[in-house]
């Protein structure tokens, strides 16, 4: 399941084109639950792309620098040691 929350979002639809309306203070939050597949792969010369897909075919891609990937990996390792989620 994919949820998308858009804040302060307004667009103008004119002759089939979408145009931003108003100030540039828009933000979004995306959440995905019940992930069916997850993978990591190279993205360019300096990043790692994490790709998550749910049962409905919704996909989220996240590009991270290696140091961020290492930080997340160490946080997962710590969870494995301390969290009942991994029991």
C-alpha atoms as a PDB file:
ATOM      1  CA  UNK A   1       0.000   0.000   0.000  1.00  0.00           C
ATOM      2  CA  UNK A   2       1.319   3.421  -0.970  1.00  0.00           C
ATOM      3  CA  UNK A   3       0.199   6.639   0.704  1.00  0.00           C
ATOM      4  CA  UNK A   4       1.087  10.067  -0.638  1.00  0.00           C
ATOM      5  CA  UNK A   5       0.495  13.254   1.325  1.00  0.00           C
ATOM      6  CA  UNK A   6       1.007  16.560  -0.474  1.00  0.00           C
ATOM      7  CA  UNK A   7       1.109  19.806   1.498  1.00  0.00           C
ATOM      8  CA  UNK A   8       0.268  23.201   0.074  1.00  0.00           C
ATOM      9  CA  UNK A   9      -0.197  21.596  -3.322  1.00  0.00           C
ATOM     10  CA  UNK A  10      -2.053  23.362  -6.084  1.00  0.00           C
ATOM     11  CA  UNK A  11      -1.574  23.068  -9.834  1.00  0.00           C
ATOM     12  CA  UNK A  12      -3.219  24.582 -12.848  1.00  0.00           C
ATOM     13  CA  UNK A  13      -4.353  22.335 -15.675  1.00  0.00           C
ATOM     14  CA  UNK A  14      -4.463  24.205 -18.984  1.00  0.00           C
ATOM     15  CA  UNK A  15      -4.793  22.512 -22.360  1.00  0.00           C
ATOM     16  CA  UNK A  16      -3.390  19.253 -20.978  1.00  0.00           C
ATOM     17  CA  UNK A  17      -0.370  20.838 -19.278  1.00  0.00           C
ATOM     18  CA  UNK A  18       0.194  20.924 -15.526  1.00  0.00           C
ATOM     19  CA  UNK A  19       1.684  24.106 -14.091  1.00  0.00           C
ATOM     20  CA  UNK A  20       2.671  24.982 -10.528  1.00  0.00           C
ATOM     21  CA  UNK A  21       0.368  27.553  -8.933  1.00  0.00           C
ATOM     22  CA  UNK A  22       1.285  29.596  -5.891  1.00  0.00           C
ATOM     23  CA  UNK A  23       4.460  29.688  -3.823  1.00  0.00           C
ATOM     24  CA  UNK A  24       7.169  27.044  -3.896  1.00  0.00           C
ATOM     25  CA  UNK A  25       6.492  25.823  -0.347  1.00  0.00           C
ATOM     26  CA  UNK A  26       5.150  22.424  -1.371  1.00  0.00           C
ATOM     27  CA  UNK A  27       6.228  19.242   0.386  1.00  0.00           C
ATOM     28  CA  UNK A  28       5.379  15.554   0.174  1.00  0.00           C
ATOM     29  CA  UNK A  29       5.481  12.499   2.383  1.00  0.00           C
ATOM     30  CA  UNK A  30       5.419   9.022   0.859  1.00  0.00           C
ATOM     31  CA  UNK A  31       4.884   5.841   2.845  1.00  0.00           C
ATOM     32  CA  UNK A  32       4.877   2.285   1.554  1.00  0.00           C
ATOM     33  CA  UNK A  33       3.621  -0.683   3.521  1.00  0.00           C
ATOM     34  CA  UNK A  34       3.593  -4.389   2.647  1.00  0.00           C
ATOM     35  CA  UNK A  35       6.688  -4.197   0.455  1.00  0.00           C
ATOM     36  CA  UNK A  36       6.882  -7.223  -1.850  1.00  0.00           C
ATOM     37  CA  UNK A  37      10.408  -6.646  -3.138  1.00  0.00           C
ATOM     38  CA  UNK A  38      13.428  -4.555  -2.210  1.00  0.00           C
ATOM     39  CA  UNK A  39      16.786  -4.282  -3.932  1.00  0.00           C
ATOM     40  CA  UNK A  40      19.936  -2.196  -3.913  1.00  0.00           C
ATOM     41  CA  UNK A  41      21.930  -1.356  -7.025  1.00  0.00           C
ATOM     42  CA  UNK A  42      24.521   1.098  -8.272  1.00  0.00           C
ATOM     43  CA  UNK A  43      23.261   4.505  -9.354  1.00  0.00           C
ATOM     44  CA  UNK A  44      25.788   6.490 -11.300  1.00  0.00           C
ATOM     45  CA  UNK A  45      29.369   6.578 -10.073  1.00  0.00           C
ATOM     46  CA  UNK A  46      28.762   7.652  -6.483  1.00  0.00           C
ATOM     47  CA  UNK A  47      25.404   6.485  -5.217  1.00  0.00           C
ATOM     48  CA  UNK A  48      23.365   3.439  -4.302  1.00  0.00           C
ATOM     49  CA  UNK A  49      19.742   3.205  -5.373  1.00  0.00           C
ATOM     50  CA  UNK A  50      17.279   1.389  -3.123  1.00  0.00           C
ATOM     51  CA  UNK A  51      14.131   0.244  -4.927  1.00  0.00           C
ATOM     52  CA  UNK A  52      10.981  -0.887  -3.120  1.00  0.00           C
ATOM     53  CA  UNK A  53       7.848  -2.270  -4.767  1.00  0.00           C
ATOM     54  CA  UNK A  54       4.497  -3.305  -3.303  1.00  0.00           C
ATOM     55  CA  UNK A  55       1.965  -5.894  -4.484  1.00  0.00           C
ATOM     56  CA  UNK A  56       0.106  -3.262  -6.542  1.00  0.00           C
ATOM     57  CA  UNK A  57       3.200  -2.384  -8.574  1.00  0.00           C
ATOM     58  CA  UNK A  58       3.816   0.944  -6.803  1.00  0.00           C
ATOM     59  CA  UNK A  59       7.514   1.713  -6.661  1.00  0.00           C
ATOM     60  CA  UNK A  60       9.695   3.986  -4.572  1.00  0.00           C
ATOM     61  CA  UNK A  61      13.308   4.660  -5.511  1.00  0.00           C
ATOM     62  CA  UNK A  62      15.769   6.274  -3.111  1.00  0.00           C
ATOM     63  CA  UNK A  63      19.274   7.338  -4.083  1.00  0.00           C
ATOM     64  CA  UNK A  64      21.835   7.495  -1.264  1.00  0.00           C
ATOM     65  CA  UNK A  65      25.539   8.127  -0.897  1.00  0.00           C
ATOM     66  CA  UNK A  66      27.531   5.120   0.387  1.00  0.00           C
ATOM     67  CA  UNK A  67      28.058   6.649   3.852  1.00  0.00           C
ATOM     68  CA  UNK A  68      24.277   6.915   4.291  1.00  0.00           C
ATOM     69  CA  UNK A  69      23.827   3.299   3.199  1.00  0.00           C
ATOM     70  CA  UNK A  70      26.487   2.214   5.712  1.00  0.00           C
ATOM     71  CA  UNK A  71      24.727   4.157   8.490  1.00  0.00           C
ATOM     72  CA  UNK A  72      21.396   2.465   7.713  1.00  0.00           C
ATOM     73  CA  UNK A  73      23.100  -0.947   7.549  1.00  0.00           C
ATOM     74  CA  UNK A  74      24.656  -0.402  10.995  1.00  0.00           C
ATOM     75  CA  UNK A  75      21.280   0.677  12.396  1.00  0.00           C
ATOM     76  CA  UNK A  76      19.748  -2.538  11.027  1.00  0.00           C
ATOM     77  CA  UNK A  77      22.570  -4.566  12.604  1.00  0.00           C
ATOM     78  CA  UNK A  78      21.840  -2.890  15.953  1.00  0.00           C
ATOM     79  CA  UNK A  79      18.146  -3.720  15.589  1.00  0.00           C
ATOM     80  CA  UNK A  80      18.997  -7.347  14.912  1.00  0.00           C
ATOM     81  CA  UNK A  81      20.879  -7.465  18.211  1.00  0.00           C
ATOM     82  CA  UNK A  82      18.330  -5.640  20.347  1.00  0.00           C
ATOM     83  CA  UNK A  83      14.863  -5.727  18.795  1.00  0.00           C
ATOM     84  CA  UNK A  84      12.198  -8.403  19.161  1.00  0.00           C
ATOM     85  CA  UNK A  85      11.337  -7.740  15.503  1.00  0.00           C
ATOM     86  CA  UNK A  86      14.215 -10.037  14.491  1.00  0.00           C
ATOM     87  CA  UNK A  87      13.409 -12.874  16.911  1.00  0.00           C
END
